[in-house]
Amino acid sequence: MQQRRPRPRRGRWALADRFRGSGATANIIVVGAIVTPAMRAESPDKNFSTFTSAEEIADAIACLCSDAAASMNGQRITLRGAS
């Protein structure tokens, strides 16, 4: 019988369990398409509503690295849609 590859979800939880109590965390940020300011400037009429802005991703990373997110471990943060 062929062994199945582990799903990323299991890997994230295994890493989160390993980090528990150490002060480190393991979380995943999930995005679809990313939109940058240059893309908006090149195509001002294009609808980017389903894209995630690079700034929003940076904000999410900064939040996860802050003391405010110290208790977040093993989470999946989904970012969809830009403003």
Protein backbone atom coordinates (compact mmCIF):
# COMPACT_ATOMS: atom_id res chain seq x y z
CA MET A 1 0.00 0.00 0.00
CA GLN A 2 1.35 3.40 -0.99
CA GLN A 3 1.85 5.81 1.85
CA ARG A 4 0.10 9.18 1.49
CA ARG A 5 2.10 12.38 1.76
CA PRO A 6 1.33 14.43 4.85
CA ARG A 7 -1.00 17.34 4.26
CA PRO A 8 0.35 20.83 5.08
CA ARG A 9 -2.30 21.14 7.79
CA ARG A 10 -0.79 18.27 9.73
CA GLY A 11 2.70 19.71 9.31
CA ARG A 12 1.62 23.10 10.60
CA TRP A 13 0.04 21.53 13.66
CA ALA A 14 3.08 19.36 14.31
CA LEU A 15 5.32 22.43 14.17
CA ALA A 16 2.91 24.40 16.35
CA ASP A 17 2.94 21.58 18.91
CA ARG A 18 6.73 21.52 18.85
CA PHE A 19 6.86 25.28 19.49
CA ARG A 20 4.23 25.28 22.25
CA GLY A 21 5.64 26.87 25.38
CA SER A 22 8.86 28.02 23.68
CA GLY A 23 7.78 31.57 22.83
CA ALA A 24 7.90 30.77 19.09
CA THR A 25 4.79 30.19 16.97
CA ALA A 26 3.94 28.53 13.65
CA ASN A 27 1.14 30.11 11.63
CA ILE A 28 0.29 30.22 7.92
CA ILE A 29 -0.85 33.21 5.88
CA VAL A 30 -2.87 32.14 2.83
CA VAL A 31 -3.40 34.50 -0.09
CA GLY A 32 -4.63 34.14 -3.63
CA ALA A 33 -3.35 36.71 -6.08
CA ILE A 34 -1.28 39.64 -4.81
CA VAL A 35 -1.75 43.19 -6.08
CA THR A 36 0.99 45.81 -5.84
CA PRO A 37 0.83 49.60 -6.21
CA ALA A 38 2.63 49.25 -9.56
CA MET A 39 -0.06 46.88 -10.84
CA ARG A 40 -2.79 49.33 -9.82
CA ALA A 41 -0.94 52.18 -11.59
CA GLU A 42 -0.50 50.13 -14.78
CA SER A 43 -4.16 49.05 -14.88
CA PRO A 44 -6.25 51.64 -13.03
CA ASP A 45 -9.53 50.34 -14.48
CA LYS A 46 -8.91 46.70 -13.60
CA ASN A 47 -10.96 45.16 -10.79
CA PHE A 48 -8.51 43.95 -8.15
CA SER A 49 -11.22 43.22 -5.55
CA THR A 50 -10.28 39.54 -5.31
CA PHE A 51 -6.55 40.28 -4.95
CA THR A 52 -4.75 40.80 -1.65
CA SER A 53 -2.60 43.89 -1.38
CA ALA A 54 1.09 43.56 -0.57
CA GLU A 55 0.51 46.04 2.26
CA GLU A 56 -2.20 43.86 3.80
CA ILE A 57 0.15 40.86 3.74
CA ALA A 58 2.91 42.93 5.36
CA ASP A 59 0.47 44.10 8.05
CA ALA A 60 -0.55 40.50 8.78
CA ILE A 61 3.10 39.43 9.09
CA ALA A 62 3.86 42.38 11.38
CA CYS A 63 0.86 41.47 13.53
CA LEU A 64 1.97 37.83 13.80
CA CYS A 65 5.43 38.99 14.87
CA SER A 66 4.04 41.27 17.57
CA ASP A 67 3.46 40.55 21.23
CA ALA A 68 -0.28 40.85 20.57
CA ALA A 69 -0.16 37.58 18.61
CA ALA A 70 1.99 35.67 21.09
CA SER A 71 -0.86 33.26 21.87
CA MET A 72 -1.64 32.57 18.18
CA ASN A 73 -0.07 29.25 17.28
CA GLY A 74 -1.06 26.75 14.60
CA GLN A 75 -3.48 29.18 12.93
CA ARG A 76 -4.33 29.63 9.27
CA ILE A 77 -4.91 33.28 8.39
CA THR A 78 -6.70 33.68 5.07
CA LEU A 79 -6.45 37.05 3.31
CA ARG A 80 -8.75 37.48 0.29
CA GLY A 81 -9.62 40.69 -1.45
CA ALA A 82 -7.98 44.08 -1.48
CA SER A 83 -9.48 47.39 -0.60
